[in-house]
């Protein structure tokens, strides 16, 4: 992202395996608030000297949790509106529908048991909801005028939803090519950027629950050697 948009930067992150856009979610012993209720938004509203760049991804997490396509699209649309209020340049990855549709019944049940053990949605229903969300994001990108990146099966591993580790760098290069380059950028996409991206301090969540106990960390909690500050919400 910094290759394209420049740095050092302030990076605001609302992430986490299985993170829901609109509801509290728990994976194993760790629980996180929804993306829409995270501290990222109050931080963003506090003001910035430059328009932010934004990436929205992993929108399909909420489907196996049982939320309707309408509800999921409402949450994502809320995020887009809040970002555009700050004149953000947005790129979003669409649901990898081309990988999800061919998934066999047997593989689906295995993957559901691993990643979403409490889900009881049948494969047919998950695929149906994924198609509706996919179509809804296409319409949203057209009406709200942001970049939507269609992900191809080649990027994904056997579970069809997680990017292959050794392909992540190239995938994210392609995603961020959708954002306009700035005068602050170090190098064109595909060239090595002259910076040290080593962690001085790795980020920790501003708020999470572990085994039901609350943990809070002051932000920014992460820092890179080039001076980039990372806020983890």
Protein backbone atom coordinates (compact mmCIF):
# COMPACT_ATOMS: atom_id res chain seq x y z
CA UNK A 1 0.00 0.00 0.00
CA UNK A 2 2.84 2.40 0.80
CA UNK A 3 4.48 1.62 -2.55
CA UNK A 4 1.36 3.04 -4.16
CA UNK A 5 0.22 5.71 -1.71
CA UNK A 6 3.38 6.75 0.11
CA UNK A 7 4.71 6.66 3.64
CA UNK A 8 5.57 6.74 6.46
CA UNK A 9 1.87 6.48 7.27
CA UNK A 10 -0.72 6.23 9.99
CA UNK A 11 -2.40 2.87 9.41
CA UNK A 12 -5.78 2.19 11.01
CA UNK A 13 -6.74 -1.49 11.09
CA UNK A 14 -9.95 -3.27 12.05
CA UNK A 15 -9.04 -6.89 11.42
CA UNK A 16 -9.16 -10.35 12.95
CA UNK A 17 -9.90 -13.90 11.81
CA UNK A 18 -13.65 -14.31 11.36
CA UNK A 19 -14.31 -10.65 12.19
CA UNK A 20 -17.92 -9.59 11.68
CA UNK A 21 -18.77 -6.26 10.12
CA UNK A 22 -21.83 -5.69 12.28
CA UNK A 23 -21.84 -7.98 15.34
CA UNK A 24 -19.53 -9.15 18.12
CA UNK A 25 -17.68 -12.28 16.96
CA UNK A 26 -15.61 -14.91 18.71
CA UNK A 27 -13.05 -17.30 17.24
CA UNK A 28 -11.76 -19.91 19.69
CA UNK A 29 -10.88 -17.99 22.90
CA UNK A 30 -10.68 -14.49 21.36
CA UNK A 31 -13.63 -12.16 20.92
CA UNK A 32 -13.78 -8.84 19.05
CA UNK A 33 -16.37 -6.09 18.63
CA UNK A 34 -17.85 -5.55 15.20
CA UNK A 35 -15.97 -3.47 12.65
CA UNK A 36 -18.81 -0.92 12.65
CA UNK A 37 -18.56 -0.45 16.44
CA UNK A 38 -14.76 -0.39 16.61
CA UNK A 39 -12.71 2.63 17.65
CA UNK A 40 -11.48 3.11 14.08
CA UNK A 41 -14.35 5.44 13.22
CA UNK A 42 -13.92 7.90 16.06
CA UNK A 43 -10.21 8.04 15.25
CA UNK A 44 -10.95 8.66 11.58
CA UNK A 45 -13.42 11.42 12.46
CA UNK A 46 -10.81 13.17 14.62
CA UNK A 47 -9.28 14.64 11.46
CA UNK A 48 -6.36 14.16 9.08
CA UNK A 49 -4.30 16.42 6.86
CA UNK A 50 -4.55 13.98 3.92
CA UNK A 51 -7.51 12.05 2.46
CA UNK A 52 -7.31 8.41 3.61
CA UNK A 53 -6.94 5.35 1.46
CA UNK A 54 -9.13 2.41 2.47
CA UNK A 55 -9.30 -1.32 1.80
CA UNK A 56 -12.43 -3.30 2.68
CA UNK A 57 -12.18 -7.05 2.45
CA UNK A 58 -13.36 -10.41 3.91
CA UNK A 59 -17.00 -9.39 3.60
CA UNK A 60 -18.10 -13.03 3.35
CA UNK A 61 -17.31 -13.77 7.01
CA UNK A 62 -20.83 -12.77 8.04
CA UNK A 63 -22.58 -15.26 5.74
CA UNK A 64 -21.86 -18.44 7.76
CA UNK A 65 -22.70 -16.53 10.95
CA UNK A 66 -26.25 -16.55 9.61
CA UNK A 67 -26.76 -12.87 8.78
CA UNK A 68 -28.86 -12.01 5.75
CA UNK A 69 -27.39 -10.49 2.58
CA UNK A 70 -29.46 -7.36 3.21
CA UNK A 71 -27.97 -6.91 6.68
CA UNK A 72 -24.41 -7.54 5.48
CA UNK A 73 -24.78 -5.03 2.64
CA UNK A 74 -26.22 -2.48 5.07
CA UNK A 75 -23.15 -2.81 7.34
CA UNK A 76 -20.71 -2.54 4.44
CA UNK A 77 -22.61 0.40 2.97
CA UNK A 78 -22.40 2.17 6.33
CA UNK A 79 -18.61 1.74 6.30
CA UNK A 80 -18.37 3.08 2.75
CA UNK A 81 -20.44 6.13 3.62
CA UNK A 82 -18.32 6.90 6.69
CA UNK A 83 -15.14 6.58 4.64
CA UNK A 84 -16.44 8.71 1.79
CA UNK A 85 -17.42 11.37 4.32
CA UNK A 86 -13.65 11.72 4.83
CA UNK A 87 -13.03 11.80 1.04
CA UNK A 88 -11.40 8.36 1.24
CA UNK A 89 -10.22 6.58 -1.89
CA UNK A 90 -11.71 3.09 -1.47
CA UNK A 91 -10.91 -0.27 -2.98
CA UNK A 92 -12.95 -3.32 -1.95
CA UNK A 93 -12.50 -7.01 -2.66
CA UNK A 94 -15.65 -8.80 -3.70
CA UNK A 95 -16.63 -12.23 -2.37
CA UNK A 96 -14.65 -14.93 -4.28
CA UNK A 97 -17.83 -16.34 -5.77
CA UNK A 98 -15.97 -18.22 -8.52
CA UNK A 99 -14.21 -20.26 -5.81
CA UNK A 100 -17.26 -20.76 -3.59
CA UNK A 101 -19.74 -22.00 -6.20
CA UNK A 102 -17.86 -25.20 -7.23
CA UNK A 103 -17.30 -26.26 -3.58
CA UNK A 104 -18.52 -29.84 -3.06
CA UNK A 105 -20.91 -30.80 -0.28
CA UNK A 106 -18.24 -32.89 1.44
CA UNK A 107 -15.57 -30.18 1.39
CA UNK A 108 -18.10 -27.59 2.50
CA UNK A 109 -19.02 -29.58 5.62
CA UNK A 110 -15.36 -30.12 6.49
CA UNK A 111 -14.53 -26.42 6.11
CA UNK A 112 -17.65 -25.32 7.99
CA UNK A 113 -16.68 -27.60 10.86
CA UNK A 114 -13.18 -26.09 11.00
CA UNK A 115 -13.86 -22.38 10.53
CA UNK A 116 -17.52 -21.96 11.57
CA UNK A 117 -18.37 -24.92 13.84
CA UNK A 118 -21.55 -23.30 15.17
CA UNK A 119 -23.02 -22.63 11.72
CA UNK A 120 -25.85 -24.87 10.54
CA UNK A 121 -26.38 -23.28 7.14
CA UNK A 122 -26.51 -25.74 4.27
CA UNK A 123 -24.10 -25.34 1.38
CA UNK A 124 -26.91 -24.40 -1.02
CA UNK A 125 -28.03 -21.55 1.26
CA UNK A 126 -24.49 -20.25 1.75
CA UNK A 127 -23.88 -20.17 -2.01
CA UNK A 128 -27.24 -18.45 -2.55
CA UNK A 129 -26.44 -15.77 0.02
CA UNK A 130 -22.92 -15.34 -1.36
CA UNK A 131 -24.36 -14.68 -4.83
CA UNK A 132 -26.72 -12.04 -3.43
CA UNK A 133 -23.94 -10.29 -1.52
CA UNK A 134 -21.64 -10.47 -4.55
CA UNK A 135 -24.30 -8.89 -6.77
CA UNK A 136 -25.11 -6.31 -4.10
CA UNK A 137 -21.48 -5.21 -3.85
CA UNK A 138 -21.30 -4.81 -7.64
CA UNK A 139 -24.35 -2.54 -7.50
CA UNK A 140 -22.96 -0.65 -4.49
CA UNK A 141 -19.64 0.01 -6.23
CA UNK A 142 -21.49 1.40 -9.23
CA UNK A 143 -23.83 3.63 -7.22
CA UNK A 144 -21.27 4.85 -4.66
CA UNK A 145 -18.37 5.08 -7.13
CA UNK A 146 -15.56 3.07 -5.53
CA UNK A 147 -13.18 0.42 -6.89
CA UNK A 148 -14.30 -3.22 -6.61
CA UNK A 149 -11.73 -5.96 -7.18
CA UNK A 150 -12.97 -9.36 -8.36
CA UNK A 151 -10.89 -12.14 -6.86
CA UNK A 152 -10.10 -15.21 -8.97
CA UNK A 153 -9.79 -18.84 -7.76
CA UNK A 154 -6.06 -18.83 -8.55
CA UNK A 155 -5.38 -16.77 -5.42
CA UNK A 156 -6.99 -19.20 -2.98
CA UNK A 157 -5.98 -22.42 -1.25
CA UNK A 158 -8.00 -25.60 -0.65
CA UNK A 159 -10.39 -23.82 1.71
CA UNK A 160 -11.41 -21.44 -1.17
CA UNK A 161 -11.62 -18.38 1.11
CA UNK A 162 -8.06 -17.78 2.35
CA UNK A 163 -5.36 -16.44 0.06
CA UNK A 164 -2.37 -18.71 -0.51
CA UNK A 165 0.50 -17.37 1.59
CA UNK A 166 3.01 -17.18 -1.27
CA UNK A 167 0.54 -15.31 -3.48
CA UNK A 168 -0.44 -12.59 -1.02
CA UNK A 169 2.20 -10.10 -2.13
CA UNK A 170 1.17 -10.23 -5.78
CA UNK A 171 -2.55 -10.18 -4.95
CA UNK A 172 -2.22 -7.06 -2.82
CA UNK A 173 -0.09 -5.37 -5.44
CA UNK A 174 -2.94 -5.90 -7.90
CA UNK A 175 -5.54 -4.68 -5.43
CA UNK A 176 -3.69 -1.47 -4.62
CA UNK A 177 -3.06 -0.76 -8.28
CA UNK A 178 -6.72 0.29 -8.22
CA UNK A 179 -5.82 3.24 -5.99
CA UNK A 180 -4.38 6.42 -7.49
CA UNK A 181 -0.63 6.82 -6.95
CA UNK A 182 0.52 9.96 -5.14
CA UNK A 183 3.65 12.08 -5.12
CA UNK A 184 4.46 10.49 -1.75
CA UNK A 185 4.79 7.01 -3.27
CA UNK A 186 8.30 5.52 -3.25
CA UNK A 187 8.24 3.26 -6.27
CA UNK A 188 5.96 2.05 -9.08
CA UNK A 189 4.01 -1.12 -8.40
CA UNK A 190 6.23 -4.15 -9.00
CA UNK A 191 9.49 -2.45 -8.02
CA UNK A 192 11.22 -2.79 -4.68
CA UNK A 193 10.53 0.15 -2.38
CA UNK A 194 13.54 1.76 -0.65
CA UNK A 195 12.37 1.37 2.93
CA UNK A 196 12.75 -0.83 5.98
CA UNK A 197 9.40 -2.39 6.86
CA UNK A 198 10.72 -4.24 9.90
CA UNK A 199 8.51 -4.18 12.97
CA UNK A 200 9.86 -2.22 15.91
CA UNK A 201 6.71 -3.09 17.82
CA UNK A 202 3.88 -5.33 16.60
CA UNK A 203 0.33 -3.99 17.01
CA UNK A 204 -2.14 -5.22 19.60
CA UNK A 205 -5.91 -4.77 19.65
CA UNK A 206 -7.25 -1.67 21.38
CA UNK A 207 -9.97 -3.91 22.82
CA UNK A 208 -10.60 -7.64 22.81
CA UNK A 209 -11.79 -10.42 25.07
CA UNK A 210 -9.74 -13.53 25.81
CA UNK A 211 -11.58 -16.27 27.69
CA UNK A 212 -14.19 -13.65 28.55
CA UNK A 213 -11.71 -11.24 30.12
CA UNK A 214 -11.33 -7.76 28.63
CA UNK A 215 -7.94 -6.56 27.40
CA UNK A 216 -7.20 -2.98 26.34
CA UNK A 217 -4.07 -1.45 24.79
CA UNK A 218 -3.30 2.18 24.09
CA UNK A 219 -2.99 3.14 20.43
CA UNK A 220 -0.93 3.35 18.31
CA UNK A 221 0.29 -0.05 19.46
CA UNK A 222 2.45 -0.93 16.45
CA UNK A 223 5.39 0.78 14.77
CA UNK A 224 7.53 0.07 11.72
CA UNK A 225 11.15 1.07 11.33
CA UNK A 226 10.23 3.68 8.72
CA UNK A 227 8.12 5.58 11.28
CA UNK A 228 4.73 4.15 10.28
CA UNK A 229 2.32 3.96 13.23
CA UNK A 230 -0.27 1.17 13.33
CA UNK A 231 -3.54 1.54 15.24
CA UNK A 232 -5.30 -1.81 15.77
CA UNK A 233 -9.03 -1.59 16.50
